[in-house]
Amino acid sequence: MAVVEQSKNNNHEVRYRVYPDIDSQVDYRNRTIDIEISLPGAKKEDIQLKFLPEWFYVNAKRDEIEYSGSYNLGTTVVPEKTTAKYSNGLLKVHAIIANPMDNAKTLSF
């Protein structure tokens, strides 16, 4: 982890913003992506995870540390089919790669 920002808030508390360690495995054959985000010491209720079709945002706070980052997935996923589990400082995300033909319209001629 690298310290990328140091700031003071109104309580004179020093907060360090760091990028969490992230590992991902893409399986194009089964159209899945499994992502592991390391957030040591963060509580489940202090984690915010937002998914869009092509990228995601994660934020978590622990004492004077704030884990924060936006990441490009490199492909398009279905956010509605994305699941996440958090245990022992590790956030595991499972996403389904979108099939481009799912929204295709069959034309009559």
N, C-alpha and C. Protein backbone atom coordinates (compact mmCIF):
# COMPACT_ATOMS: atom_id res chain seq x y z
N MET A 1 0.84 -1.18 0.00
CA MET A 1 0.00 0.00 0.00
C MET A 1 0.88 1.24 0.00
N ALA A 2 0.50 2.22 -0.79
CA ALA A 2 1.25 3.46 -0.85
C ALA A 2 0.38 4.60 -0.33
N VAL A 3 0.98 5.48 0.44
CA VAL A 3 0.25 6.66 0.91
C VAL A 3 0.17 7.63 -0.24
N VAL A 4 -1.04 8.02 -0.63
CA VAL A 4 -1.19 8.95 -1.74
C VAL A 4 -1.72 10.30 -1.30
N GLU A 5 -2.23 10.39 -0.09
CA GLU A 5 -2.75 11.67 0.37
C GLU A 5 -2.75 11.70 1.89
N GLN A 6 -2.40 12.83 2.43
CA GLN A 6 -2.47 13.02 3.87
C GLN A 6 -3.19 14.34 4.08
N SER A 7 -4.24 14.33 4.89
CA SER A 7 -5.01 15.55 5.11
C SER A 7 -5.48 15.62 6.55
N LYS A 8 -5.93 16.81 6.96
CA LYS A 8 -6.48 17.00 8.29
C LYS A 8 -7.93 17.43 8.14
N ASN A 9 -8.80 16.85 8.99
CA ASN A 9 -10.18 17.30 8.98
C ASN A 9 -10.40 18.23 10.17
N ASN A 10 -11.63 18.61 10.44
CA ASN A 10 -11.93 19.56 11.50
C ASN A 10 -11.54 19.06 12.88
N ASN A 11 -11.43 17.75 13.09
CA ASN A 11 -11.05 17.19 14.39
C ASN A 11 -9.55 17.06 14.54
N HIS A 12 -8.78 17.58 13.60
CA HIS A 12 -7.33 17.50 13.59
C HIS A 12 -6.84 16.06 13.55
N GLU A 13 -7.66 15.19 13.01
CA GLU A 13 -7.31 13.78 12.85
C GLU A 13 -6.60 13.61 11.52
N VAL A 14 -5.46 12.97 11.51
CA VAL A 14 -4.73 12.71 10.27
C VAL A 14 -5.33 11.48 9.62
N ARG A 15 -5.61 11.58 8.34
CA ARG A 15 -6.18 10.45 7.60
C ARG A 15 -5.30 10.20 6.38
N TYR A 16 -4.93 8.95 6.19
CA TYR A 16 -4.13 8.55 5.04
C TYR A 16 -5.03 7.84 4.05
N ARG A 17 -4.98 8.26 2.80
CA ARG A 17 -5.75 7.60 1.75
C ARG A 17 -4.82 6.68 0.99
N VAL A 18 -5.19 5.41 0.92
CA VAL A 18 -4.37 4.41 0.24
C VAL A 18 -5.22 3.62 -0.76
N TYR A 19 -4.56 3.11 -1.80
CA TYR A 19 -5.23 2.23 -2.74
C TYR A 19 -5.20 0.81 -2.17
N PRO A 20 -6.34 0.15 -2.08
CA PRO A 20 -6.32 -1.22 -1.57
C PRO A 20 -5.68 -2.17 -2.58
N ASP A 21 -5.07 -3.23 -2.07
CA ASP A 21 -4.53 -4.27 -2.95
C ASP A 21 -5.70 -5.02 -3.58
N ILE A 22 -5.62 -5.20 -4.90
CA ILE A 22 -6.70 -5.86 -5.63
C ILE A 22 -6.12 -6.93 -6.54
N ASP A 23 -6.77 -8.09 -6.54
CA ASP A 23 -6.40 -9.18 -7.43
C ASP A 23 -7.66 -9.61 -8.17
N SER A 24 -7.54 -9.85 -9.46
CA SER A 24 -8.72 -10.30 -10.22
C SER A 24 -8.37 -11.45 -11.15
N GLN A 25 -9.35 -12.30 -11.34
CA GLN A 25 -9.22 -13.44 -12.24
C GLN A 25 -10.39 -13.38 -13.22
N VAL A 26 -10.10 -13.30 -14.51
CA VAL A 26 -11.13 -13.24 -15.53
C VAL A 26 -11.20 -14.60 -16.22
N ASP A 27 -12.41 -15.13 -16.31
CA ASP A 27 -12.67 -16.41 -16.99
C ASP A 27 -13.63 -16.12 -18.14
N TYR A 28 -13.07 -15.89 -19.32
CA TYR A 28 -13.92 -15.55 -20.48
C TYR A 28 -14.76 -16.73 -20.94
N ARG A 29 -14.26 -17.93 -20.75
CA ARG A 29 -15.01 -19.11 -21.18
C ARG A 29 -16.33 -19.23 -20.40
N ASN A 30 -16.27 -19.01 -19.08
CA ASN A 30 -17.48 -19.08 -18.25
C ASN A 30 -18.10 -17.71 -18.00
N ARG A 31 -17.52 -16.68 -18.60
CA ARG A 31 -18.02 -15.30 -18.51
C ARG A 31 -18.14 -14.83 -17.06
N THR A 32 -17.05 -14.95 -16.28
CA THR A 32 -17.05 -14.49 -14.90
C THR A 32 -15.77 -13.72 -14.58
N ILE A 33 -15.87 -12.86 -13.58
CA ILE A 33 -14.71 -12.17 -13.02
C ILE A 33 -14.79 -12.34 -11.50
N ASP A 34 -13.70 -12.79 -10.89
CA ASP A 34 -13.61 -12.88 -9.44
C ASP A 34 -12.55 -11.89 -8.99
N ILE A 35 -12.93 -11.03 -8.06
CA ILE A 35 -12.06 -9.96 -7.59
C ILE A 35 -11.90 -10.10 -6.08
N GLU A 36 -10.67 -9.93 -5.61
CA GLU A 36 -10.39 -9.92 -4.18
C GLU A 36 -9.78 -8.56 -3.84
N ILE A 37 -10.40 -7.87 -2.87
CA ILE A 37 -9.96 -6.55 -2.45
C ILE A 37 -9.53 -6.64 -0.99
N SER A 38 -8.29 -6.30 -0.72
CA SER A 38 -7.75 -6.38 0.63
C SER A 38 -8.05 -5.09 1.39
N LEU A 39 -8.83 -5.21 2.47
CA LEU A 39 -9.21 -4.07 3.31
C LEU A 39 -8.95 -4.43 4.77
N PRO A 40 -7.69 -4.68 5.15
CA PRO A 40 -7.40 -5.14 6.51
C PRO A 40 -7.86 -4.15 7.58
N GLY A 41 -8.56 -4.69 8.56
CA GLY A 41 -9.01 -3.88 9.70
C GLY A 41 -10.30 -3.13 9.48
N ALA A 42 -10.82 -3.09 8.27
CA ALA A 42 -12.07 -2.38 8.00
C ALA A 42 -13.26 -3.20 8.49
N LYS A 43 -14.27 -2.52 8.99
CA LYS A 43 -15.51 -3.19 9.41
C LYS A 43 -16.46 -3.21 8.22
N LYS A 44 -17.26 -4.25 8.15
CA LYS A 44 -18.20 -4.42 7.04
C LYS A 44 -19.08 -3.19 6.85
N GLU A 45 -19.54 -2.60 7.95
CA GLU A 45 -20.44 -1.45 7.86
C GLU A 45 -19.73 -0.17 7.39
N ASP A 46 -18.40 -0.19 7.34
CA ASP A 46 -17.64 0.97 6.89
C ASP A 46 -17.16 0.85 5.44
N ILE A 47 -17.65 -0.17 4.73
CA ILE A 47 -17.23 -0.41 3.35
C ILE A 47 -18.33 0.03 2.40
N GLN A 48 -17.93 0.76 1.36
CA GLN A 48 -18.86 1.16 0.30
C GLN A 48 -18.31 0.60 -1.01
N LEU A 49 -19.14 -0.16 -1.73
CA LEU A 49 -18.75 -0.76 -3.00
C LEU A 49 -19.84 -0.45 -4.02
N LYS A 50 -19.46 0.19 -5.11
CA LYS A 50 -20.42 0.53 -6.17
C LYS A 50 -19.92 -0.04 -7.49
N PHE A 51 -20.82 -0.75 -8.18
CA PHE A 51 -20.48 -1.37 -9.46
C PHE A 51 -21.27 -0.76 -10.59
N LEU A 52 -20.58 -0.48 -11.68
CA LEU A 52 -21.17 -0.07 -12.95
C LEU A 52 -20.75 -1.12 -13.97
N PRO A 53 -21.31 -1.09 -15.18
CA PRO A 53 -20.97 -2.14 -16.14
C PRO A 53 -19.48 -2.27 -16.47
N GLU A 54 -18.71 -1.18 -16.43
CA GLU A 54 -17.31 -1.29 -16.84
C GLU A 54 -16.29 -0.92 -15.77
N TRP A 55 -16.75 -0.49 -14.62
CA TRP A 55 -15.80 -0.15 -13.55
C TRP A 55 -16.49 -0.20 -12.20
N PHE A 56 -15.67 -0.16 -11.13
CA PHE A 56 -16.24 -0.13 -9.79
C PHE A 56 -15.45 0.81 -8.90
N TYR A 57 -16.08 1.19 -7.80
CA TYR A 57 -15.50 2.09 -6.82
C TYR A 57 -15.59 1.41 -5.46
N VAL A 58 -14.52 1.48 -4.68
CA VAL A 58 -14.52 0.93 -3.33
C VAL A 58 -13.95 1.97 -2.38
N ASN A 59 -14.55 2.04 -1.19
CA ASN A 59 -14.10 2.96 -0.15
C ASN A 59 -14.36 2.29 1.19
N ALA A 60 -13.38 2.35 2.08
CA ALA A 60 -13.53 1.79 3.42
C ALA A 60 -12.66 2.60 4.37
N LYS A 61 -13.14 2.75 5.60
CA LYS A 61 -12.38 3.51 6.59
C LYS A 61 -12.01 2.60 7.76
N ARG A 62 -10.78 2.83 8.25
CA ARG A 62 -10.28 2.12 9.42
C ARG A 62 -9.36 3.08 10.17
N ASP A 63 -9.76 3.45 11.36
CA ASP A 63 -8.98 4.38 12.17
C ASP A 63 -8.58 5.60 11.34
N GLU A 64 -7.26 5.86 11.18
CA GLU A 64 -6.82 7.03 10.43
C GLU A 64 -6.56 6.71 8.95
N ILE A 65 -6.91 5.49 8.52
CA ILE A 65 -6.68 5.07 7.14
C ILE A 65 -8.01 5.03 6.37
N GLU A 66 -7.96 5.52 5.14
CA GLU A 66 -9.11 5.42 4.24
C GLU A 66 -8.64 4.70 2.98
N TYR A 67 -9.21 3.51 2.72
CA TYR A 67 -8.94 2.78 1.49
C TYR A 67 -9.88 3.34 0.44
N SER A 68 -9.36 3.68 -0.74
CA SER A 68 -10.22 4.27 -1.75
C SER A 68 -9.63 4.05 -3.14
N GLY A 69 -10.50 3.71 -4.11
CA GLY A 69 -10.04 3.56 -5.48
C GLY A 69 -11.16 3.27 -6.44
N SER A 70 -10.95 3.64 -7.69
CA SER A 70 -11.85 3.32 -8.80
C SER A 70 -11.05 2.46 -9.77
N TYR A 71 -11.68 1.41 -10.28
CA TYR A 71 -10.96 0.46 -11.09
C TYR A 71 -11.76 0.09 -12.34
N ASN A 72 -11.06 0.04 -13.48
CA ASN A 72 -11.66 -0.37 -14.74
C ASN A 72 -11.61 -1.88 -14.82
N LEU A 73 -12.71 -2.51 -15.21
CA LEU A 73 -12.79 -3.97 -15.28
C LEU A 73 -12.20 -4.54 -16.56
N GLY A 74 -12.07 -3.73 -17.60
CA GLY A 74 -11.53 -4.22 -18.85
C GLY A 74 -12.54 -4.98 -19.70
N THR A 75 -13.75 -5.10 -19.22
CA THR A 75 -14.84 -5.75 -19.94
C THR A 75 -16.15 -5.22 -19.34
N THR A 76 -17.26 -5.65 -19.87
CA THR A 76 -18.57 -5.20 -19.38
C THR A 76 -19.21 -6.32 -18.56
N VAL A 77 -19.66 -5.97 -17.34
CA VAL A 77 -20.32 -6.94 -16.47
C VAL A 77 -21.78 -6.53 -16.25
N VAL A 78 -22.53 -7.42 -15.62
CA VAL A 78 -23.93 -7.15 -15.28
C VAL A 78 -23.97 -6.81 -13.78
N PRO A 79 -24.07 -5.52 -13.43
CA PRO A 79 -24.06 -5.14 -12.01
C PRO A 79 -25.15 -5.82 -11.18
N GLU A 80 -26.30 -6.05 -11.77
CA GLU A 80 -27.42 -6.67 -11.05
C GLU A 80 -27.13 -8.12 -10.67
N LYS A 81 -26.19 -8.76 -11.32
CA LYS A 81 -25.84 -10.15 -11.03
C LYS A 81 -24.52 -10.25 -10.25
N THR A 82 -24.00 -9.13 -9.79
CA THR A 82 -22.74 -9.10 -9.06
C THR A 82 -22.99 -9.32 -7.58
N THR A 83 -22.17 -10.17 -6.95
CA THR A 83 -22.31 -10.46 -5.53
C THR A 83 -20.98 -10.18 -4.82
N ALA A 84 -21.07 -9.92 -3.52
CA ALA A 84 -19.86 -9.65 -2.73
C ALA A 84 -20.00 -10.23 -1.33
N LYS A 85 -18.88 -10.69 -0.79
CA LYS A 85 -18.82 -11.22 0.58
C LYS A 85 -17.57 -10.65 1.23
N TYR A 86 -17.69 -10.31 2.51
CA TYR A 86 -16.55 -9.74 3.25
C TYR A 86 -16.27 -10.58 4.48
N SER A 87 -15.00 -10.98 4.64
CA SER A 87 -14.61 -11.77 5.79
C SER A 87 -13.12 -11.59 6.04
N ASN A 88 -12.76 -11.34 7.30
CA ASN A 88 -11.36 -11.27 7.71
C ASN A 88 -10.52 -10.32 6.86
N GLY A 89 -11.05 -9.15 6.55
CA GLY A 89 -10.29 -8.14 5.82
C GLY A 89 -10.22 -8.34 4.32
N LEU A 90 -10.95 -9.32 3.79
CA LEU A 90 -10.93 -9.60 2.36
C LEU A 90 -12.33 -9.51 1.78
N LEU A 91 -12.51 -8.62 0.83
CA LEU A 91 -13.79 -8.46 0.13
C LEU A 91 -13.70 -9.23 -1.18
N LYS A 92 -14.55 -10.24 -1.32
CA LYS A 92 -14.56 -11.08 -2.52
C LYS A 92 -15.79 -10.73 -3.36
N VAL A 93 -15.55 -10.42 -4.62
CA VAL A 93 -16.62 -10.01 -5.54
C VAL A 93 -16.67 -11.01 -6.69
N HIS A 94 -17.88 -11.41 -7.06
CA HIS A 94 -18.09 -12.30 -8.20
C HIS A 94 -19.02 -11.59 -9.17
N ALA A 95 -18.56 -11.39 -10.39
CA ALA A 95 -19.35 -10.67 -11.40
C ALA A 95 -19.49 -11.52 -12.66
N ILE A 96 -20.60 -11.33 -13.34
CA ILE A 96 -20.89 -12.03 -14.59
C ILE A 96 -20.59 -11.09 -15.75
N ILE A 97 -19.78 -11.56 -16.70
CA ILE A 97 -19.49 -10.76 -17.89
C ILE A 97 -20.74 -10.75 -18.77
N ALA A 98 -21.11 -9.56 -19.20
CA ALA A 98 -22.32 -9.39 -20.02
C ALA A 98 -22.16 -10.05 -21.38
N ASN A 99 -23.22 -10.69 -21.82
CA ASN A 99 -23.27 -11.25 -23.16
C ASN A 99 -23.83 -10.16 -24.07
N PRO A 100 -23.07 -9.70 -25.06
CA PRO A 100 -23.55 -8.60 -25.89
C PRO A 100 -24.83 -8.93 -26.66
N MET A 101 -25.15 -10.21 -26.81
CA MET A 101 -26.36 -10.59 -27.55
C MET A 101 -27.60 -10.62 -26.66
N ASP A 102 -27.45 -10.46 -25.34
CA ASP A 102 -28.60 -10.49 -24.44
C ASP A 102 -29.64 -9.41 -24.77
N ASN A 103 -29.19 -8.26 -25.19
CA ASN A 103 -30.12 -7.16 -25.50
C ASN A 103 -30.32 -6.96 -26.99
N ALA A 104 -29.89 -7.93 -27.78
CA ALA A 104 -30.04 -7.81 -29.22
C ALA A 104 -31.50 -7.96 -29.64
N LYS A 105 -31.88 -7.23 -30.62
CA LYS A 105 -33.23 -7.31 -31.15
C LYS A 105 -33.21 -8.11 -32.44
N THR A 106 -34.10 -9.09 -32.53
CA THR A 106 -34.23 -9.86 -33.76
C THR A 106 -35.13 -9.09 -34.70
N LEU A 107 -34.63 -8.86 -35.88
CA LEU A 107 -35.39 -8.09 -36.86
C LEU A 107 -36.12 -9.02 -37.82
N SER A 108 -37.33 -8.63 -38.15
CA SER A 108 -38.11 -9.37 -39.15
C SER A 108 -37.93 -8.68 -40.48
N PHE A 109 -37.90 -9.46 -41.53
CA PHE A 109 -37.76 -8.87 -42.88
C PHE A 109 -38.50 -9.71 -43.89
